[in-house]
Structures are given as C-alpha cells and as structure tokens.
Amino acid sequence: MAADTYFERACATVLEMTKTEIKHRILHFDGLRLDFTEEYLNTLDLDRLRHILLAALLTAHRKCAS
C-alpha cells in the first residue's frame, strides 16, 4: 500500500514539473548516479524526461525501502 501511495505522489509531482525543473532534478539527483549531460537532456522531449525522472525516483525509493 505504501508503495502505491508513493508511486501516485511521485507521478503527480513529476507531471506538474516543467521541462526545466525535470532536467534540473535529473542533473542533480540524490540517491543514484545518473550520467546524463544537459546537452543530451535538451534533445529529449518532455515525456521522455518524465520517464527518466520517475524511473530514478522509484528506483531510489525501492533501494531505501530494502
């Protein structure tokens, strides 16, 4: 149940973020090492950026929970 709640909150948060905010969060992500350059992120559309950030958030959350 807690995982479902976290997932829903993470999705809602990422959906409300702008492209600039998402890129900033990916470039300065705590918890996992993400190896993306700003130049590469600039080539991606908003949906792809959301996917990357959400995957990172869920992976980091899962690592902390175990």
C-alpha atoms as a PDB file:
ATOM      1  CA  MET A   1       0.000   0.000   0.000  1.00  0.00           C
ATOM      2  CA  ALA A   2       2.724   2.491   0.908  1.00  0.00           C
ATOM      3  CA  ALA A   3       4.461   1.775  -2.400  1.00  0.00           C
ATOM      4  CA  ASP A   4       1.231   2.548  -4.264  1.00  0.00           C
ATOM      5  CA  THR A   5       0.875   5.850  -2.428  1.00  0.00           C
ATOM      6  CA  TYR A   6       4.483   6.805  -3.139  1.00  0.00           C
ATOM      7  CA  PHE A   7       4.043   5.921  -6.819  1.00  0.00           C
ATOM      8  CA  GLU A   8       0.918   8.066  -7.125  1.00  0.00           C
ATOM      9  CA  ARG A   9       2.548  11.042  -5.377  1.00  0.00           C
ATOM     10  CA  ALA A  10       5.714  10.723  -7.482  1.00  0.00           C
ATOM     11  CA  CYS A  11       3.675  10.610 -10.697  1.00  0.00           C
ATOM     12  CA  ALA A  12       1.631  13.641  -9.704  1.00  0.00           C
ATOM     13  CA  THR A  13       4.741  15.597  -8.746  1.00  0.00           C
ATOM     14  CA  VAL A  14       6.592  14.806 -11.977  1.00  0.00           C
ATOM     15  CA  LEU A  15       3.538  15.643 -14.081  1.00  0.00           C
ATOM     16  CA  GLU A  16       3.359  19.114 -12.523  1.00  0.00           C
ATOM     17  CA  MET A  17       7.022  19.905 -13.221  1.00  0.00           C
ATOM     18  CA  THR A  18       8.245  21.940 -16.166  1.00  0.00           C
ATOM     19  CA  LYS A  19      10.885  20.658 -18.557  1.00  0.00           C
ATOM     20  CA  THR A  20      13.473  22.897 -16.908  1.00  0.00           C
ATOM     21  CA  GLU A  21      12.609  21.594 -13.436  1.00  0.00           C
ATOM     22  CA  ILE A  22      12.789  17.983 -14.571  1.00  0.00           C
ATOM     23  CA  LYS A  23      16.176  18.488 -16.238  1.00  0.00           C
ATOM     24  CA  HIS A  24      17.486  20.143 -13.071  1.00  0.00           C
ATOM     25  CA  ARG A  25      16.265  17.258 -10.894  1.00  0.00           C
ATOM     26  CA  ILE A  26      17.868  14.687 -13.222  1.00  0.00           C
ATOM     27  CA  LEU A  27      21.182  16.563 -13.325  1.00  0.00           C
ATOM     28  CA  HIS A  28      21.241  16.961  -9.514  1.00  0.00           C
ATOM     29  CA  PHE A  29      19.583  13.700  -8.494  1.00  0.00           C
ATOM     30  CA  ASP A  30      20.386  12.427  -4.998  1.00  0.00           C
ATOM     31  CA  GLY A  31      20.416   8.729  -4.280  1.00  0.00           C
ATOM     32  CA  LEU A  32      21.542   7.337  -7.622  1.00  0.00           C
ATOM     33  CA  ARG A  33      24.266   8.320 -10.002  1.00  0.00           C
ATOM     34  CA  LEU A  34      22.639   9.414 -13.244  1.00  0.00           C
ATOM     35  CA  ASP A  35      25.078  10.003 -16.083  1.00  0.00           C
ATOM     36  CA  PHE A  36      23.317  12.499 -18.335  1.00  0.00           C
ATOM     37  CA  THR A  37      24.633  15.728 -19.774  1.00  0.00           C
ATOM     38  CA  GLU A  38      22.494  18.816 -20.107  1.00  0.00           C
ATOM     39  CA  GLU A  39      23.148  18.791 -23.844  1.00  0.00           C
ATOM     40  CA  TYR A  40      21.710  15.282 -24.147  1.00  0.00           C
ATOM     41  CA  LEU A  41      18.698  16.092 -21.960  1.00  0.00           C
ATOM     42  CA  ASN A  42      17.965  19.103 -24.172  1.00  0.00           C
ATOM     43  CA  THR A  43      17.424  16.720 -27.107  1.00  0.00           C
ATOM     44  CA  LEU A  44      14.699  14.756 -25.295  1.00  0.00           C
ATOM     45  CA  ASP A  45      11.018  15.542 -25.270  1.00  0.00           C
ATOM     46  CA  LEU A  46       9.102  16.200 -22.056  1.00  0.00           C
ATOM     47  CA  ASP A  47       7.567  12.721 -21.856  1.00  0.00           C
ATOM     48  CA  ARG A  48      10.983  11.025 -22.113  1.00  0.00           C
ATOM     49  CA  LEU A  49      12.385  13.295 -19.400  1.00  0.00           C
ATOM     50  CA  ARG A  50       9.433  12.495 -17.154  1.00  0.00           C
ATOM     51  CA  HIS A  51      10.029   8.796 -17.707  1.00  0.00           C
ATOM     52  CA  ILE A  52      13.718   9.078 -16.741  1.00  0.00           C
ATOM     53  CA  LEU A  53      12.982  11.065 -13.584  1.00  0.00           C
ATOM     54  CA  LEU A  54      10.122   8.835 -12.478  1.00  0.00           C
ATOM     55  CA  ALA A  55      12.223   5.701 -13.016  1.00  0.00           C
ATOM     56  CA  ALA A  56      15.040   7.233 -10.964  1.00  0.00           C
ATOM     57  CA  LEU A  57      12.662   8.234  -8.166  1.00  0.00           C
ATOM     58  CA  LEU A  58      11.091   4.784  -7.987  1.00  0.00           C
ATOM     59  CA  THR A  59      14.452   3.005  -8.082  1.00  0.00           C
ATOM     60  CA  ALA A  60      15.884   5.212  -5.333  1.00  0.00           C
ATOM     61  CA  HIS A  61      12.758   4.721  -3.222  1.00  0.00           C
ATOM     62  CA  ARG A  62      12.948   0.955  -3.643  1.00  0.00           C
ATOM     63  CA  LYS A  63      16.649   0.945  -2.641  1.00  0.00           C
ATOM     64  CA  CYS A  64      15.881   2.942   0.508  1.00  0.00           C
ATOM     65  CA  ALA A  65      12.975   0.669   1.431  1.00  0.00           C
ATOM     66  CA  SER A  66      15.065  -2.504   1.324  1.00  0.00           C
END
